[in-house]
């Protein structure tokens, strides 16, 4: 992250974030914490729903619900290899990555 962008984000109020859709997805819902955990995993490498359920110790139905929501908002894309569908971060998420990190930091410091 560039110093100027870091300075802007540091001085920002959480409600001044441009990507209101991301803000809503992550903090304006009860399941925002689970959604953030899934996005964090996807930022490291692509996963399928079963892998995420096992890695995050959540049931498949919960993972499926959150992945579907993340994908519906275009923050993840799916790639099918053979019979297995993997999910990875979308360009939209990468374009909002600084704001995503800011939201996570804000939540960490304002529990």
Protein backbone atom coordinates (compact mmCIF):
# COMPACT_ATOMS: atom_id res chain seq x y z
CA UNK A 1 0.00 0.00 0.00
CA UNK A 2 1.40 3.41 -0.90
CA UNK A 3 2.12 5.88 1.89
CA UNK A 4 -0.41 8.39 0.56
CA UNK A 5 -3.16 5.76 0.36
CA UNK A 6 -2.23 4.53 3.87
CA UNK A 7 -2.47 8.10 5.18
CA UNK A 8 -5.89 8.56 3.61
CA UNK A 9 -7.18 5.29 5.05
CA UNK A 10 -5.68 6.02 8.47
CA UNK A 11 -7.46 9.37 8.64
CA UNK A 12 -10.74 7.91 7.38
CA UNK A 13 -13.83 7.30 9.36
CA UNK A 14 -15.18 3.80 8.75
CA UNK A 15 -18.34 5.26 7.20
CA UNK A 16 -16.32 7.17 4.60
CA UNK A 17 -15.27 3.98 2.86
CA UNK A 18 -16.14 4.15 -0.82
CA UNK A 19 -17.09 0.48 -1.21
CA UNK A 20 -20.32 0.56 0.81
CA UNK A 21 -21.27 -2.87 -0.49
CA UNK A 22 -18.13 -4.38 1.04
CA UNK A 23 -18.70 -2.45 4.26
CA UNK A 24 -22.25 -3.77 4.48
CA UNK A 25 -21.18 -7.34 3.71
CA UNK A 26 -18.53 -7.31 6.44
CA UNK A 27 -19.99 -5.33 9.33
CA UNK A 28 -23.67 -4.60 8.84
CA UNK A 29 -24.63 -8.27 9.08
CA UNK A 30 -24.53 -10.77 11.90
CA UNK A 31 -22.46 -13.19 9.79
CA UNK A 32 -19.79 -10.65 8.85
CA UNK A 33 -17.12 -12.34 10.95
CA UNK A 34 -17.58 -15.65 9.12
CA UNK A 35 -17.56 -13.86 5.78
CA UNK A 36 -14.26 -12.17 6.71
CA UNK A 37 -12.74 -15.50 7.76
CA UNK A 38 -13.68 -17.01 4.39
CA UNK A 39 -12.33 -14.04 2.43
CA UNK A 40 -9.07 -14.23 4.38
CA UNK A 41 -8.66 -17.86 3.36
CA UNK A 42 -9.49 -17.13 -0.28
CA UNK A 43 -6.89 -14.36 -0.35
CA UNK A 44 -4.25 -17.01 0.41
CA UNK A 45 -5.31 -19.59 -2.17
CA UNK A 46 -8.40 -20.95 -3.95
CA UNK A 47 -10.58 -23.35 -1.98
CA UNK A 48 -13.70 -25.36 -2.63
CA UNK A 49 -16.59 -25.30 -0.15
CA UNK A 50 -15.66 -28.63 1.47
CA UNK A 51 -12.07 -27.50 2.02
CA UNK A 52 -13.23 -24.24 3.58
CA UNK A 53 -15.65 -26.06 5.88
CA UNK A 54 -12.88 -28.33 7.10
CA UNK A 55 -10.26 -25.57 7.38
CA UNK A 56 -12.56 -23.17 9.26
CA UNK A 57 -14.29 -25.93 11.27
CA UNK A 58 -17.75 -24.84 10.07
CA UNK A 59 -20.50 -26.90 8.53
CA UNK A 60 -20.82 -27.07 4.76
CA UNK A 61 -24.21 -25.32 4.74
CA UNK A 62 -22.77 -22.27 6.54
CA UNK A 63 -19.81 -22.08 4.16
CA UNK A 64 -22.10 -22.49 1.17
CA UNK A 65 -24.35 -19.65 2.35
CA UNK A 66 -21.42 -17.26 2.85
CA UNK A 67 -19.61 -18.21 -0.37
CA UNK A 68 -22.83 -17.72 -2.32
CA UNK A 69 -23.23 -14.27 -0.76
CA UNK A 70 -19.60 -13.32 -1.44
CA UNK A 71 -19.95 -14.49 -5.02
CA UNK A 72 -23.32 -12.74 -5.44
CA UNK A 73 -21.61 -9.46 -4.52
CA UNK A 74 -18.80 -10.23 -6.99
CA UNK A 75 -16.02 -10.49 -4.39
CA UNK A 76 -15.23 -14.07 -5.39
CA UNK A 77 -15.23 -15.94 -8.66
CA UNK A 78 -15.52 -19.65 -9.20
CA UNK A 79 -13.27 -21.80 -11.29
CA UNK A 80 -14.30 -25.34 -12.13
CA UNK A 81 -11.59 -27.92 -12.68
CA UNK A 82 -13.06 -31.27 -13.62
CA UNK A 83 -15.94 -31.80 -11.20
CA UNK A 84 -14.59 -29.54 -8.46
CA UNK A 85 -15.50 -25.86 -8.13
CA UNK A 86 -12.94 -23.62 -6.45
CA UNK A 87 -13.45 -20.04 -5.31
CA UNK A 88 -10.89 -17.28 -5.56
CA UNK A 89 -10.87 -13.52 -4.95
CA UNK A 90 -12.32 -11.46 -7.78
CA UNK A 91 -10.83 -8.39 -9.40
CA UNK A 92 -13.44 -6.37 -7.51
CA UNK A 93 -12.09 -7.65 -4.18
CA UNK A 94 -8.49 -6.98 -5.19
CA UNK A 95 -9.51 -3.44 -6.20
CA UNK A 96 -11.00 -2.95 -2.71
CA UNK A 97 -8.23 -4.74 -0.83
CA UNK A 98 -6.97 -1.63 0.99
CA UNK A 99 -10.48 -0.88 2.20
CA UNK A 100 -10.96 -4.53 3.19
CA UNK A 101 -7.81 -4.36 5.31
CA UNK A 102 -8.93 -1.05 6.82
CA UNK A 103 -12.33 -2.52 7.77
CA UNK A 104 -10.64 -5.52 9.41
CA UNK A 105 -8.27 -3.25 11.34
CA UNK A 106 -11.15 -1.02 12.40
CA UNK A 107 -13.08 -4.04 13.72
CA UNK A 108 -10.00 -5.34 15.53
CA UNK A 109 -9.51 -2.02 17.31
CA UNK A 110 -13.20 -1.29 18.00
CA UNK A 111 -14.61 -4.48 19.47
